[in-house]
Amino acid sequence: MFYARLRLSWEELSHYDNFIEWLSSAPSEKVILLPTVSEIYAKIVEKTRAFQFLAGINPDFEYARVHLLDKTIFPTPEEAHAYCLSDQSRQSPMPPISGILLETL
């Protein structure tokens, strides 16, 4: 629920972002293309959103938060959310399988 509300806010804010698209000539194979200002800005926004998500998640996800913040390549907000969901499913107890009797010692 938290992620859905946060994502909705991000989508609303993204309508206010305007990028100037510069025309460029065809790149040569020997020319290294540096990222454009809009690409750099998009990465900054993406990283900020991932930090916002990780800062706002439930303390039960502390292991996931520490793991994601420790990664060399910082995750996108979507990757962080998916990791938290998978971590939550790993931590939740397995429901009993119907039709199988549990043996007690």
C-alpha atoms as a PDB file:
ATOM      1  CA  MET A   1       0.000   0.000   0.000  1.00  0.00           C
ATOM      2  CA  PHE A   2       2.829   2.403   0.911  1.00  0.00           C
ATOM      3  CA  TYR A   3       4.638   1.716  -2.366  1.00  0.00           C
ATOM      4  CA  ALA A   4       1.464   2.246  -4.394  1.00  0.00           C
ATOM      5  CA  ARG A   5       0.806   5.652  -2.778  1.00  0.00           C
ATOM      6  CA  LEU A   6       4.442   6.671  -3.211  1.00  0.00           C
ATOM      7  CA  ARG A   7       4.462   5.599  -6.858  1.00  0.00           C
ATOM      8  CA  LEU A   8       1.267   7.565  -7.531  1.00  0.00           C
ATOM      9  CA  SER A   9       2.888  10.679  -6.061  1.00  0.00           C
ATOM     10  CA  TRP A  10       5.977  10.147  -8.231  1.00  0.00           C
ATOM     11  CA  GLU A  11       3.830   9.809 -11.347  1.00  0.00           C
ATOM     12  CA  GLU A  12       2.021  13.045 -10.532  1.00  0.00           C
ATOM     13  CA  LEU A  13       5.329  14.847  -9.972  1.00  0.00           C
ATOM     14  CA  SER A  14       6.785  13.495 -13.214  1.00  0.00           C
ATOM     15  CA  HIS A  15       4.190  15.493 -15.176  1.00  0.00           C
ATOM     16  CA  TYR A  16       5.987  18.637 -14.050  1.00  0.00           C
ATOM     17  CA  ASP A  17       9.384  17.458 -15.278  1.00  0.00           C
ATOM     18  CA  ASN A  18      10.262  18.970 -18.634  1.00  0.00           C
ATOM     19  CA  PHE A  19      13.356  17.869 -20.468  1.00  0.00           C
ATOM     20  CA  ILE A  20      14.934  19.740 -23.348  1.00  0.00           C
ATOM     21  CA  GLU A  21      15.705  17.336 -26.149  1.00  0.00           C
ATOM     22  CA  TRP A  22      18.771  18.425 -28.100  1.00  0.00           C
ATOM     23  CA  LEU A  23      19.244  17.283 -31.647  1.00  0.00           C
ATOM     24  CA  SER A  24      22.495  15.438 -32.113  1.00  0.00           C
ATOM     25  CA  SER A  25      24.363  14.251 -35.136  1.00  0.00           C
ATOM     26  CA  ALA A  26      24.903  10.545 -35.782  1.00  0.00           C
ATOM     27  CA  PRO A  27      27.513   9.299 -33.290  1.00  0.00           C
ATOM     28  CA  SER A  28      30.836   8.095 -34.554  1.00  0.00           C
ATOM     29  CA  GLU A  29      32.178   4.750 -33.350  1.00  0.00           C
ATOM     30  CA  LYS A  30      35.249   6.457 -31.872  1.00  0.00           C
ATOM     31  CA  VAL A  31      33.338   9.127 -29.960  1.00  0.00           C
ATOM     32  CA  ILE A  32      32.404   8.371 -26.359  1.00  0.00           C
ATOM     33  CA  LEU A  33      28.942   9.715 -25.671  1.00  0.00           C
ATOM     34  CA  LEU A  34      28.524  11.232 -22.241  1.00  0.00           C
ATOM     35  CA  PRO A  35      25.124  11.073 -20.593  1.00  0.00           C
ATOM     36  CA  THR A  36      22.868  13.987 -21.302  1.00  0.00           C
ATOM     37  CA  VAL A  37      21.646  16.304 -18.578  1.00  0.00           C
ATOM     38  CA  SER A  38      18.197  14.739 -18.781  1.00  0.00           C
ATOM     39  CA  GLU A  39      19.672  11.223 -18.378  1.00  0.00           C
ATOM     40  CA  ILE A  40      21.669  12.344 -15.340  1.00  0.00           C
ATOM     41  CA  TYR A  41      18.597  14.012 -13.865  1.00  0.00           C
ATOM     42  CA  ALA A  42      16.496  10.882 -14.474  1.00  0.00           C
ATOM     43  CA  LYS A  43      19.093   8.769 -12.592  1.00  0.00           C
ATOM     44  CA  ILE A  44      19.099  11.238  -9.693  1.00  0.00           C
ATOM     45  CA  VAL A  45      15.291  11.134  -9.516  1.00  0.00           C
ATOM     46  CA  GLU A  46      15.301   7.326  -9.671  1.00  0.00           C
ATOM     47  CA  LYS A  47      17.869   7.047  -6.872  1.00  0.00           C
ATOM     48  CA  THR A  48      15.998   9.603  -4.744  1.00  0.00           C
ATOM     49  CA  ARG A  49      12.779   7.636  -5.166  1.00  0.00           C
ATOM     50  CA  ALA A  50      14.512   4.408  -4.134  1.00  0.00           C
ATOM     51  CA  PHE A  51      15.851   6.182  -1.015  1.00  0.00           C
ATOM     52  CA  GLN A  52      12.370   7.528  -0.243  1.00  0.00           C
ATOM     53  CA  PHE A  53      10.906   4.044  -0.531  1.00  0.00           C
ATOM     54  CA  LEU A  54      13.607   2.444   1.628  1.00  0.00           C
ATOM     55  CA  ALA A  55      13.322   5.202   4.244  1.00  0.00           C
ATOM     56  CA  GLY A  56       9.576   4.738   4.539  1.00  0.00           C
ATOM     57  CA  ILE A  57       9.232   0.969   4.686  1.00  0.00           C
ATOM     58  CA  ASN A  58       8.230  -0.892   7.822  1.00  0.00           C
ATOM     59  CA  PRO A  59      11.043  -1.623  10.330  1.00  0.00           C
ATOM     60  CA  ASP A  60      10.341  -5.333   9.780  1.00  0.00           C
ATOM     61  CA  PHE A  61      12.198  -4.919   6.489  1.00  0.00           C
ATOM     62  CA  GLU A  62      15.434  -3.717   8.097  1.00  0.00           C
ATOM     63  CA  TYR A  63      17.402  -6.650   6.646  1.00  0.00           C
ATOM     64  CA  ALA A  64      16.136  -5.873   3.138  1.00  0.00           C
ATOM     65  CA  ARG A  65      16.870  -2.156   3.592  1.00  0.00           C
ATOM     66  CA  VAL A  66      20.458  -2.803   4.731  1.00  0.00           C
ATOM     67  CA  HIS A  67      21.027  -5.332   1.954  1.00  0.00           C
ATOM     68  CA  LEU A  68      19.762  -2.985  -0.759  1.00  0.00           C
ATOM     69  CA  LEU A  69      21.701   0.030   0.544  1.00  0.00           C
ATOM     70  CA  ASP A  70      24.875  -2.071   0.599  1.00  0.00           C
ATOM     71  CA  LYS A  71      24.662  -3.066  -3.071  1.00  0.00           C
ATOM     72  CA  THR A  72      27.340  -1.766  -5.427  1.00  0.00           C
ATOM     73  CA  ILE A  73      24.789  -1.009  -8.133  1.00  0.00           C
ATOM     74  CA  PHE A  74      21.940   0.845  -6.454  1.00  0.00           C
ATOM     75  CA  PRO A  75      18.515  -0.672  -7.187  1.00  0.00           C
ATOM     76  CA  THR A  76      15.663   1.076  -8.919  1.00  0.00           C
ATOM     77  CA  PRO A  77      12.514   1.679  -6.855  1.00  0.00           C
ATOM     78  CA  GLU A  78      10.872  -1.244  -8.662  1.00  0.00           C
ATOM     79  CA  GLU A  79      13.797  -3.570  -7.859  1.00  0.00           C
ATOM     80  CA  ALA A  80      13.762  -2.481  -4.198  1.00  0.00           C
ATOM     81  CA  HIS A  81      10.019  -3.098  -3.979  1.00  0.00           C
ATOM     82  CA  ALA A  82      10.334  -6.528  -5.611  1.00  0.00           C
ATOM     83  CA  TYR A  83      13.164  -7.475  -3.235  1.00  0.00           C
ATOM     84  CA  CYS A  84      11.082  -6.458  -0.209  1.00  0.00           C
ATOM     85  CA  LEU A  85       8.150  -8.515  -1.479  1.00  0.00           C
ATOM     86  CA  SER A  86      10.354 -11.572  -1.996  1.00  0.00           C
ATOM     87  CA  ASP A  87      11.951 -11.055   1.438  1.00  0.00           C
ATOM     88  CA  GLN A  88       8.478 -10.851   2.984  1.00  0.00           C
ATOM     89  CA  SER A  89       7.400 -14.096   1.310  1.00  0.00           C
ATOM     90  CA  ARG A  90      10.567 -15.822   2.550  1.00  0.00           C
ATOM     91  CA  GLN A  91       9.894 -14.711   6.112  1.00  0.00           C
ATOM     92  CA  SER A  92       6.209 -15.627   6.231  1.00  0.00           C
ATOM     93  CA  PRO A  93       5.419 -19.108   7.514  1.00  0.00           C
ATOM     94  CA  MET A  94       4.301 -21.689   5.002  1.00  0.00           C
ATOM     95  CA  PRO A  95       0.592 -22.494   5.242  1.00  0.00           C
ATOM     96  CA  PRO A  96      -0.183 -26.138   5.986  1.00  0.00           C
ATOM     97  CA  ILE A  97      -0.794 -28.268   2.909  1.00  0.00           C
ATOM     98  CA  SER A  98      -4.302 -29.703   2.968  1.00  0.00           C
ATOM     99  CA  GLY A  99      -4.597 -33.456   2.816  1.00  0.00           C
ATOM    100  CA  ILE A 100      -1.247 -34.148   4.484  1.00  0.00           C
ATOM    101  CA  LEU A 101      -1.267 -35.210   8.094  1.00  0.00           C
ATOM    102  CA  LEU A 102       1.389 -33.626  10.281  1.00  0.00           C
ATOM    103  CA  GLU A 103       3.320 -36.091  12.372  1.00  0.00           C
ATOM    104  CA  THR A 104       4.278 -35.138  15.899  1.00  0.00           C
ATOM    105  CA  LEU A 105       7.277 -36.579  17.704  1.00  0.00           C
END
